[in-house]
C-alpha atoms as a PDB file:
ATOM      1  CA  MET A   1      85.928  93.672  92.390  1.00  0.00           C
ATOM      2  CA  LEU A   2      88.760  94.806  90.156  1.00  0.00           C
ATOM      3  CA  GLY A   3      88.972  98.058  92.147  1.00  0.00           C
ATOM      4  CA  VAL A   4      89.331  96.114  95.383  1.00  0.00           C
ATOM      5  CA  ALA A   5      92.101  93.967  93.912  1.00  0.00           C
ATOM      6  CA  ILE A   6      93.968  96.985  92.555  1.00  0.00           C
ATOM      7  CA  THR A   7      93.706  98.763  95.909  1.00  0.00           C
ATOM      8  CA  ILE A   8      95.066  95.757  97.791  1.00  0.00           C
ATOM      9  CA  VAL A   9      97.906  95.188  95.303  1.00  0.00           C
ATOM     10  CA  ALA A  10      98.881  98.868  95.470  1.00  0.00           C
ATOM     11  CA  ALA A  11      98.897  98.733  99.279  1.00  0.00           C
ATOM     12  CA  ILE A  12     101.057  95.612  99.280  1.00  0.00           C
ATOM     13  CA  ILE A  13     103.550  97.254  96.909  1.00  0.00           C
ATOM     14  CA  ILE A  14     103.721 100.356  99.113  1.00  0.00           C
ATOM     15  CA  PHE A  15     104.197  98.199 102.221  1.00  0.00           C
ATOM     16  CA  VAL A  16     106.993  96.210 100.543  1.00  0.00           C
ATOM     17  CA  PHE A  17     108.935  99.380  99.737  1.00  0.00           C
ATOM     18  CA  GLU A  18     108.313 101.384 102.910  1.00  0.00           C
ATOM     19  CA  ILE A  19     108.421  98.914 105.802  1.00  0.00           C
ATOM     20  CA  PRO A  20     112.044  97.768 105.286  1.00  0.00           C
ATOM     21  CA  LYS A  21     113.215 101.390 105.243  1.00  0.00           C
ATOM     22  CA  LEU A  22     111.419 102.142 108.496  1.00  0.00           C
ATOM     23  CA  ARG A  23     112.712  98.967 110.151  1.00  0.00           C
ATOM     24  CA  LYS A  24     116.272  99.622 108.999  1.00  0.00           C
ATOM     25  CA  LYS A  25     116.195 103.080 110.582  1.00  0.00           C
ATOM     26  CA  LYS A  26     114.457 101.625 113.685  1.00  0.00           C
ATOM     27  CA  LEU A  27     111.572 104.072 113.432  1.00  0.00           C
ATOM     28  CA  THR A  28     109.021 101.989 115.313  1.00  0.00           C
ATOM     29  CA  LYS A  29     106.591 104.817 116.108  1.00  0.00           C
ATOM     30  CA  GLU A  30     106.581 105.956 112.512  1.00  0.00           C
ATOM     31  CA  LEU A  31     106.052 102.355 111.408  1.00  0.00           C
ATOM     32  CA  TRP A  32     102.962 102.059 113.612  1.00  0.00           C
ATOM     33  CA  VAL A  33     101.538 105.364 112.419  1.00  0.00           C
ATOM     34  CA  PHE A  34     102.233 104.449 108.805  1.00  0.00           C
ATOM     35  CA  SER A  35     100.591 101.053 109.235  1.00  0.00           C
ATOM     36  CA  VAL A  36      97.472 102.430 110.920  1.00  0.00           C
ATOM     37  CA  LEU A  37      97.026 105.186 108.341  1.00  0.00           C
ATOM     38  CA  MET A  38      97.653 102.750 105.502  1.00  0.00           C
ATOM     39  CA  VAL A  39      95.059 100.298 106.797  1.00  0.00           C
ATOM     40  CA  MET A  40      92.542 103.137 107.119  1.00  0.00           C
ATOM     41  CA  ALA A  41      93.328 104.316 103.589  1.00  0.00           C
ATOM     42  CA  VAL A  42      92.984 100.816 102.165  1.00  0.00           C
ATOM     43  CA  GLY A  43      89.676 100.392 103.970  1.00  0.00           C
ATOM     44  CA  LEU A  44      88.350 103.656 102.567  1.00  0.00           C
ATOM     45  CA  GLY A  45      89.659 102.755  99.117  1.00  0.00           C
ATOM     46  CA  ILE A  46      87.900  99.418  99.194  1.00  0.00           C
ATOM     47  CA  ALA A  47      84.683 101.014 100.444  1.00  0.00           C
ATOM     48  CA  GLU A  48      84.881 103.586  97.664  1.00  0.00           C
ATOM     49  CA  SER A  49      85.474 100.947  95.007  1.00  0.00           C
ATOM     50  CA  LEU A  50      82.451  98.999  96.302  1.00  0.00           C
ATOM     51  CA  HIS A  51      80.345 102.194  96.072  1.00  0.00           C
ATOM     52  CA  LEU A  52      79.519 102.182  99.776  1.00  0.00           C
ATOM     53  CA  SER A  53      78.291 105.335 101.454  1.00  0.00           C
ATOM     54  CA  ILE A  54      81.216 107.029 103.195  1.00  0.00           C
ATOM     55  CA  PRO A  55      80.227 109.811 105.603  1.00  0.00           C
ATOM     56  CA  ASN A  56      81.697 113.253 105.139  1.00  0.00           C
ATOM     57  CA  PRO A  57      84.116 114.067 108.011  1.00  0.00           C
ATOM     58  CA  LEU A  58      82.990 117.694 107.970  1.00  0.00           C
ATOM     59  CA  ASN A  59      79.527 116.646 109.152  1.00  0.00           C
ATOM     60  CA  GLY A  60      81.052 114.979 112.227  1.00  0.00           C
ATOM     61  CA  ILE A  61      83.194 118.009 112.989  1.00  0.00           C
ATOM     62  CA  ARG A  62      80.168 120.267 112.609  1.00  0.00           C
ATOM     63  CA  MET A  63      78.120 118.065 114.959  1.00  0.00           C
ATOM     64  CA  VAL A  64      80.814 118.275 117.635  1.00  0.00           C
ATOM     65  CA  LEU A  65      81.533 122.007 117.324  1.00  0.00           C
ATOM     66  CA  GLN A  66      78.004 123.350 116.690  1.00  0.00           C
ATOM     67  CA  PRO A  67      76.942 123.440 120.389  1.00  0.00           C
ATOM     68  CA  MET A  68      80.101 125.341 121.300  1.00  0.00           C
ATOM     69  CA  SER A  69      79.464 127.773 118.459  1.00  0.00           C
ATOM     70  CA  ASN A  70      75.903 128.338 119.672  1.00  0.00           C
ATOM     71  CA  VAL A  71      77.126 129.107 123.198  1.00  0.00           C
ATOM     72  CA  ILE A  72      79.746 131.562 121.943  1.00  0.00           C
ATOM     73  CA  ASN A  73      77.257 133.276 119.647  1.00  0.00           C
ATOM     74  CA  GLY A  74      74.800 133.543 122.533  1.00  0.00           C
ATOM     75  CA  LEU A  75      77.439 135.182 124.715  1.00  0.00           C
ATOM     76  CA  LEU A  76      78.397 137.680 122.017  1.00  0.00           C
ATOM     77  CA  LYS A  77      74.838 138.877 121.342  1.00  0.00           C
END
């Protein structure tokens, strides 16, 4: 639970320093992207600190691209 608390406190500190800068410069798109990526990162950090199984992104990419690779290899043979 200490890892979860540290992750949340670190995220809050980062938000406190970054959001005012983005608002001052009126960078609304960047603010949304930053917020979404930060929430995803905090979620993954919490999952990691709770020792949950996090899937490898490469496996998902491989699953999507493998059929296309098979077709291209079949055409080249």
